C-alpha atoms as a PDB file:
ATOM      1  CA  GLN A   1       9.077 -15.632   6.704  1.00  0.00           C
ATOM      2  CA  VAL A   2       8.306 -11.938   6.379  1.00  0.00           C
ATOM      3  CA  GLN A   3       6.023  -9.894   8.615  1.00  0.00           C
ATOM      4  CA  LEU A   4       4.440  -6.740   7.237  1.00  0.00           C
ATOM      5  CA  VAL A   5       2.891  -4.179   9.542  1.00  0.00           C
ATOM      6  CA  GLU A   6       0.804  -1.348   8.119  1.00  0.00           C
ATOM      7  CA  SER A   7       0.090   1.897   9.912  1.00  0.00           C
ATOM      8  CA  GLY A   8      -1.138   5.374   9.155  1.00  0.00           C
ATOM      9  CA  GLY A   9      -4.762   4.689   8.450  1.00  0.00           C
ATOM     10  CA  GLY A  10      -7.523   6.741   9.951  1.00  0.00           C
ATOM     11  CA  SER A  11     -10.389   9.046   9.178  1.00  0.00           C
ATOM     12  CA  VAL A  12     -10.149  11.962   6.806  1.00  0.00           C
ATOM     13  CA  GLN A  13     -12.573  14.244   5.021  1.00  0.00           C
ATOM     14  CA  ALA A  14     -13.063  14.124   1.286  1.00  0.00           C
ATOM     15  CA  GLY A  15     -10.209  15.852  -0.459  1.00  0.00           C
ATOM     16  CA  GLY A  16      -7.835  15.083   2.370  1.00  0.00           C
ATOM     17  CA  SER A  17      -4.555  13.213   2.477  1.00  0.00           C
ATOM     18  CA  LEU A  18      -3.039  10.321   4.365  1.00  0.00           C
ATOM     19  CA  ARG A  19       0.278   8.530   4.293  1.00  0.00           C
ATOM     20  CA  LEU A  20       0.316   4.817   4.938  1.00  0.00           C
ATOM     21  CA  SER A  21       3.397   2.944   6.041  1.00  0.00           C
ATOM     22  CA  CYS A  22       4.310  -0.723   5.740  1.00  0.00           C
ATOM     23  CA  ALA A  23       7.236  -1.927   7.802  1.00  0.00           C
ATOM     24  CA  ALA A  24       8.838  -5.208   6.832  1.00  0.00           C
ATOM     25  CA  SER A  25      10.442  -7.422   9.462  1.00  0.00           C
ATOM     26  CA  ARG A  26      13.687  -7.614   7.514  1.00  0.00           C
ATOM     27  CA  SER A  27      15.433  -6.281   4.437  1.00  0.00           C
ATOM     28  CA  ILE A  28      13.530  -7.619   1.447  1.00  0.00           C
ATOM     29  CA  PHE A  29      13.332  -4.900  -1.182  1.00  0.00           C
ATOM     30  CA  SER A  30      16.104  -6.396  -3.286  1.00  0.00           C
ATOM     31  CA  ILE A  31      14.046  -9.563  -3.711  1.00  0.00           C
ATOM     32  CA  TYR A  32      10.392  -8.596  -3.224  1.00  0.00           C
ATOM     33  CA  THR A  33       8.156  -6.331  -5.238  1.00  0.00           C
ATOM     34  CA  MET A  34       6.105  -4.284  -2.798  1.00  0.00           C
ATOM     35  CA  ALA A  35       2.537  -3.297  -3.487  1.00  0.00           C
ATOM     36  CA  TRP A  36      -0.526  -1.710  -1.965  1.00  0.00           C
ATOM     37  CA  TYR A  37      -4.068  -3.016  -2.329  1.00  0.00           C
ATOM     38  CA  ARG A  38      -7.386  -2.072  -0.805  1.00  0.00           C
ATOM     39  CA  GLN A  39     -10.633  -3.833  -0.128  1.00  0.00           C
ATOM     40  CA  ALA A  40     -13.916  -2.044   0.432  1.00  0.00           C
ATOM     41  CA  PRO A  41     -16.827  -3.772   2.168  1.00  0.00           C
ATOM     42  CA  GLY A  42     -18.486  -6.248  -0.150  1.00  0.00           C
ATOM     43  CA  LYS A  43     -15.927  -5.721  -2.901  1.00  0.00           C
ATOM     44  CA  ARG A  44     -12.915  -7.595  -4.221  1.00  0.00           C
ATOM     45  CA  ARG A  45      -9.409  -6.647  -3.220  1.00  0.00           C
ATOM     46  CA  GLU A  46      -8.121  -4.022  -5.628  1.00  0.00           C
ATOM     47  CA  PHE A  47      -4.551  -3.383  -6.737  1.00  0.00           C
ATOM     48  CA  LEU A  48      -3.358   0.197  -6.294  1.00  0.00           C
ATOM     49  CA  ALA A  49       0.375   0.487  -6.882  1.00  0.00           C
ATOM     50  CA  TYR A  50       3.651  -1.372  -6.813  1.00  0.00           C
ATOM     51  CA  ILE A  51       7.336  -0.626  -6.563  1.00  0.00           C
ATOM     52  CA  SER A  52       9.724  -3.160  -8.029  1.00  0.00           C
ATOM     53  CA  THR A  53      13.088  -4.303  -6.754  1.00  0.00           C
ATOM     54  CA  THR A  54      14.712  -1.729  -9.031  1.00  0.00           C
ATOM     55  CA  GLY A  55      12.448   1.081  -7.847  1.00  0.00           C
ATOM     56  CA  TYR A  56      10.161   1.132 -10.840  1.00  0.00           C
ATOM     57  CA  THR A  57       6.634   2.162  -9.918  1.00  0.00           C
ATOM     58  CA  ASN A  58       3.270   1.556 -11.468  1.00  0.00           C
ATOM     59  CA  TYR A  59      -0.281   2.555 -10.549  1.00  0.00           C
ATOM     60  CA  THR A  60      -3.792   1.619 -11.356  1.00  0.00           C
ATOM     61  CA  ASP A  61      -5.478   4.308 -13.424  1.00  0.00           C
ATOM     62  CA  SER A  62      -7.863   5.469 -10.714  1.00  0.00           C
ATOM     63  CA  VAL A  63      -5.053   6.628  -8.422  1.00  0.00           C
ATOM     64  CA  LYS A  64      -2.506   7.942 -10.919  1.00  0.00           C
ATOM     65  CA  GLY A  65      -1.520  11.482 -10.074  1.00  0.00           C
ATOM     66  CA  ARG A  66      -2.993  11.262  -6.571  1.00  0.00           C
ATOM     67  CA  PHE A  67      -1.146   8.376  -4.904  1.00  0.00           C
ATOM     68  CA  THR A  68       2.598   7.871  -4.662  1.00  0.00           C
ATOM     69  CA  ILE A  69       4.343   4.678  -3.602  1.00  0.00           C
ATOM     70  CA  SER A  70       7.863   4.973  -2.258  1.00  0.00           C
ATOM     71  CA  ARG A  71      10.278   3.099  -0.053  1.00  0.00           C
ATOM     72  CA  ASP A  72      12.976   3.738   2.521  1.00  0.00           C
ATOM     73  CA  ILE A  73      15.429   0.907   2.142  1.00  0.00           C
ATOM     74  CA  ALA A  74      17.267   1.716   5.352  1.00  0.00           C
ATOM     75  CA  LYS A  75      14.016   1.500   7.311  1.00  0.00           C
ATOM     76  CA  ASN A  76      12.600  -1.529   5.436  1.00  0.00           C
ATOM     77  CA  THR A  77       9.456   0.551   4.977  1.00  0.00           C
ATOM     78  CA  VAL A  78       7.188   1.223   2.040  1.00  0.00           C
ATOM     79  CA  TYR A  79       4.848   4.182   1.927  1.00  0.00           C
ATOM     80  CA  LEU A  80       1.691   5.133   0.126  1.00  0.00           C
ATOM     81  CA  GLN A  81       1.046   8.852   0.049  1.00  0.00           C
ATOM     82  CA  MET A  82      -2.571   9.526  -0.840  1.00  0.00           C
ATOM     83  CA  HIS A  83      -4.081  12.856  -1.848  1.00  0.00           C
ATOM     84  CA  SER A  84      -7.547  13.999  -2.876  1.00  0.00           C
ATOM     85  CA  LEU A  85      -9.208  11.053  -1.192  1.00  0.00           C
ATOM     86  CA  GLU A  86     -12.847  10.352  -1.989  1.00  0.00           C
ATOM     87  CA  PRO A  87     -15.529   8.670   0.152  1.00  0.00           C
ATOM     88  CA  GLU A  88     -15.650   5.666  -2.177  1.00  0.00           C
ATOM     89  CA  GLU A  89     -12.026   5.018  -1.305  1.00  0.00           C
ATOM     90  CA  THR A  90     -13.025   3.995   2.183  1.00  0.00           C
ATOM     91  CA  ALA A  91     -11.494   0.549   2.596  1.00  0.00           C
ATOM     92  CA  VAL A  92      -8.968  -1.569   4.380  1.00  0.00           C
ATOM     93  CA  TYR A  93      -5.583  -0.948   2.790  1.00  0.00           C
ATOM     94  CA  TYR A  94      -3.120  -3.835   2.598  1.00  0.00           C
ATOM     95  CA  CYS A  95       0.585  -4.075   2.008  1.00  0.00           C
ATOM     96  CA  ASN A  96       1.880  -6.950  -0.118  1.00  0.00           C
ATOM     97  CA  ALA A  97       5.326  -8.393  -0.694  1.00  0.00           C
ATOM     98  CA  ALA A  98       5.785 -10.758  -3.608  1.00  0.00           C
ATOM     99  CA  ALA A  99       8.710 -12.688  -5.001  1.00  0.00           C
ATOM    100  CA  LYS A 100       6.874 -14.614  -7.666  1.00  0.00           C
ATOM    101  CA  VAL A 101       9.932 -16.317  -9.085  1.00  0.00           C
ATOM    102  CA  LEU A 102      10.529 -17.809  -5.663  1.00  0.00           C
ATOM    103  CA  GLY A 103       6.855 -18.459  -5.057  1.00  0.00           C
ATOM    104  CA  TYR A 104       6.665 -16.321  -1.947  1.00  0.00           C
ATOM    105  CA  GLU A 105       3.990 -13.787  -1.087  1.00  0.00           C
ATOM    106  CA  TYR A 106       3.064 -12.056   2.155  1.00  0.00           C
ATOM    107  CA  TRP A 107       0.300  -9.725   3.287  1.00  0.00           C
ATOM    108  CA  GLY A 108       0.006  -7.305   6.132  1.00  0.00           C
ATOM    109  CA  GLN A 109      -2.982  -7.212   8.452  1.00  0.00           C
ATOM    110  CA  GLY A 110      -4.400  -4.091   6.820  1.00  0.00           C
ATOM    111  CA  THR A 111      -5.137  -0.592   8.005  1.00  0.00           C
ATOM    112  CA  GLN A 112      -8.538   1.069   7.826  1.00  0.00           C
ATOM    113  CA  VAL A 113      -8.980   4.262   5.847  1.00  0.00           C
ATOM    114  CA  THR A 114     -12.298   6.070   6.174  1.00  0.00           C
ATOM    115  CA  VAL A 115     -13.098   9.053   3.983  1.00  0.00           C
ATOM    116  CA  SER A 116     -16.134  11.086   4.939  1.00  0.00           C
ATOM    117  CA  SER A 117     -18.063  13.431   2.690  1.00  0.00           C
END
């Protein structure tokens, strides 16, 4: 079992920045791909970015150049640095850990990000 705890959400004005954190309950980065998703009210959960076990990163087009996913292996923590936030990016942001070969997947409880115009 893996627990994921997100933090760092809050309210920010349009154009602002936030850094989200996701702390895992144990060392998992060598096995699990870590990802960030978000879900706005009335919308489907949307993939944002992932970092693989080898450190490879990938982003959805809408956040490329503005968001950066990274990890601190010693702290068992994944980050999502977000810049130039827009009001339509108001959502609950979720951390995900997936080891698809093993059939395991875990989600955090989410952290609210509110961007005002």
